[in-house]
């Protein structure tokens, strides 16, 4: 099961301050829209999403090519999903689950 590209989505209090901090660590913004309160930054293979006011907690994020196939596999393995993709559709969709420690996991097909 290929979960795709991994990143962490950080719920930040101040997008500009967080951007400056991560840029000082060598990250560069390559996607997102500061006017809409989010930016995606990269440093080599590491990706970080900065999101101000969009969600409460940090989220582990994966961007696969086939979220519906992953959904079927996870459900067959007995994992509970709090958000499911409509399996009768194709294209962009996402699923959400929570690990045993309460960490949110977003599997988001763009």
Protein backbone atom coordinates (compact mmCIF):
# COMPACT_ATOMS: atom_id res chain seq x y z
CA UNK A 1 0.00 0.00 0.00
CA UNK A 2 1.63 3.23 -1.19
CA UNK A 3 0.60 6.18 1.00
CA UNK A 4 2.39 8.65 -1.27
CA UNK A 5 4.19 11.80 -0.22
CA UNK A 6 4.36 12.43 3.54
CA UNK A 7 4.17 15.80 5.26
CA UNK A 8 3.07 17.17 8.56
CA UNK A 9 0.32 19.76 8.63
CA UNK A 10 0.92 22.19 11.47
CA UNK A 11 -1.84 24.23 13.07
CA UNK A 12 0.01 27.53 13.55
CA UNK A 13 -0.95 30.64 15.50
CA UNK A 14 0.92 33.11 13.29
CA UNK A 15 1.56 32.09 9.67
CA UNK A 16 4.16 34.80 9.02
CA UNK A 17 6.17 33.94 12.16
CA UNK A 18 6.04 30.22 11.39
CA UNK A 19 7.07 30.82 7.79
CA UNK A 20 10.07 32.87 8.93
CA UNK A 21 11.07 30.19 11.44
CA UNK A 22 10.93 27.31 8.95
CA UNK A 23 12.64 29.36 6.25
CA UNK A 24 15.49 29.92 8.73
CA UNK A 25 15.70 26.10 8.94
CA UNK A 26 16.14 26.00 5.16
CA UNK A 27 12.55 25.37 4.03
CA UNK A 28 11.13 27.21 1.02
CA UNK A 29 7.49 27.91 0.24
CA UNK A 30 6.41 26.21 -2.99
CA UNK A 31 2.62 26.07 -2.77
CA UNK A 32 -0.31 27.49 -0.87
CA UNK A 33 -1.66 30.99 -0.46
CA UNK A 34 -0.68 33.22 2.43
CA UNK A 35 -3.84 35.30 1.83
CA UNK A 36 -5.88 32.12 2.50
CA UNK A 37 -3.82 31.32 5.64
CA UNK A 38 -1.81 28.35 4.42
CA UNK A 39 1.57 27.60 2.88
CA UNK A 40 3.38 24.40 1.91
CA UNK A 41 7.14 24.43 2.44
CA UNK A 42 9.83 21.99 1.39
CA UNK A 43 13.42 21.20 2.24
CA UNK A 44 14.70 18.29 0.19
CA UNK A 45 12.24 15.46 0.71
CA UNK A 46 10.73 17.04 3.85
CA UNK A 47 7.39 18.81 3.45
CA UNK A 48 5.55 20.94 6.02
CA UNK A 49 2.13 22.52 5.66
CA UNK A 50 1.47 25.63 7.75
CA UNK A 51 -2.23 26.26 8.39
CA UNK A 52 -3.51 29.20 10.43
CA UNK A 53 -7.05 28.90 11.79
CA UNK A 54 -8.00 25.84 9.74
CA UNK A 55 -7.80 23.06 12.33
CA UNK A 56 -7.04 22.63 16.01
CA UNK A 57 -4.27 20.01 16.10
CA UNK A 58 -1.30 19.00 13.99
CA UNK A 59 -2.03 16.30 11.41
CA UNK A 60 0.11 13.66 9.70
CA UNK A 61 -0.64 13.98 5.99
CA UNK A 62 -0.14 11.59 3.09
CA UNK A 63 -0.85 12.37 -0.57
CA UNK A 64 -1.41 9.13 -2.50
CA UNK A 65 -2.51 8.51 -6.06
CA UNK A 66 -5.44 6.22 -5.08
CA UNK A 67 -7.10 7.06 -1.76
CA UNK A 68 -10.05 4.75 -2.44
CA UNK A 69 -7.80 1.68 -2.74
CA UNK A 70 -6.13 2.66 0.53
CA UNK A 71 -9.54 3.10 2.14
CA UNK A 72 -10.57 -0.41 1.12
CA UNK A 73 -7.32 -1.86 2.49
CA UNK A 74 -7.58 0.00 5.81
CA UNK A 75 -11.20 -1.03 6.30
CA UNK A 76 -10.32 -4.65 5.49
CA UNK A 77 -7.64 -4.43 8.20
CA UNK A 78 -10.26 -3.30 10.70
CA UNK A 79 -9.21 0.33 11.03
CA UNK A 80 -11.96 2.85 11.75
CA UNK A 81 -12.17 5.91 9.52
CA UNK A 82 -13.75 9.11 10.81
CA UNK A 83 -14.09 10.44 7.25
CA UNK A 84 -14.49 8.19 4.22
CA UNK A 85 -14.17 8.85 0.49
CA UNK A 86 -17.16 8.11 -1.73
CA UNK A 87 -16.11 4.90 -3.48
CA UNK A 88 -18.55 5.52 -6.34
CA UNK A 89 -16.53 8.56 -7.47
CA UNK A 90 -13.05 9.15 -8.87
CA UNK A 91 -10.53 11.96 -8.57
CA UNK A 92 -9.70 14.09 -5.54
CA UNK A 93 -10.94 12.80 -2.18
CA UNK A 94 -9.67 12.22 1.33
CA UNK A 95 -10.03 9.96 4.33
CA UNK A 96 -9.27 10.64 7.98
CA UNK A 97 -8.37 8.32 10.84
CA UNK A 98 -6.85 8.67 14.29
CA UNK A 99 -3.96 6.68 15.72
CA UNK A 100 -4.11 5.13 19.22
CA UNK A 101 -2.56 8.29 20.74
CA UNK A 102 -5.12 10.63 19.22
CA UNK A 103 -2.99 11.90 16.32
CA UNK A 104 -5.00 12.75 13.26
CA UNK A 105 -4.00 11.20 9.94
CA UNK A 106 -5.21 12.74 6.69
CA UNK A 107 -4.83 10.73 3.49
CA UNK A 108 -5.59 13.29 0.80
CA UNK A 109 -5.62 12.58 -2.93
CA UNK A 110 -5.37 15.87 -4.87
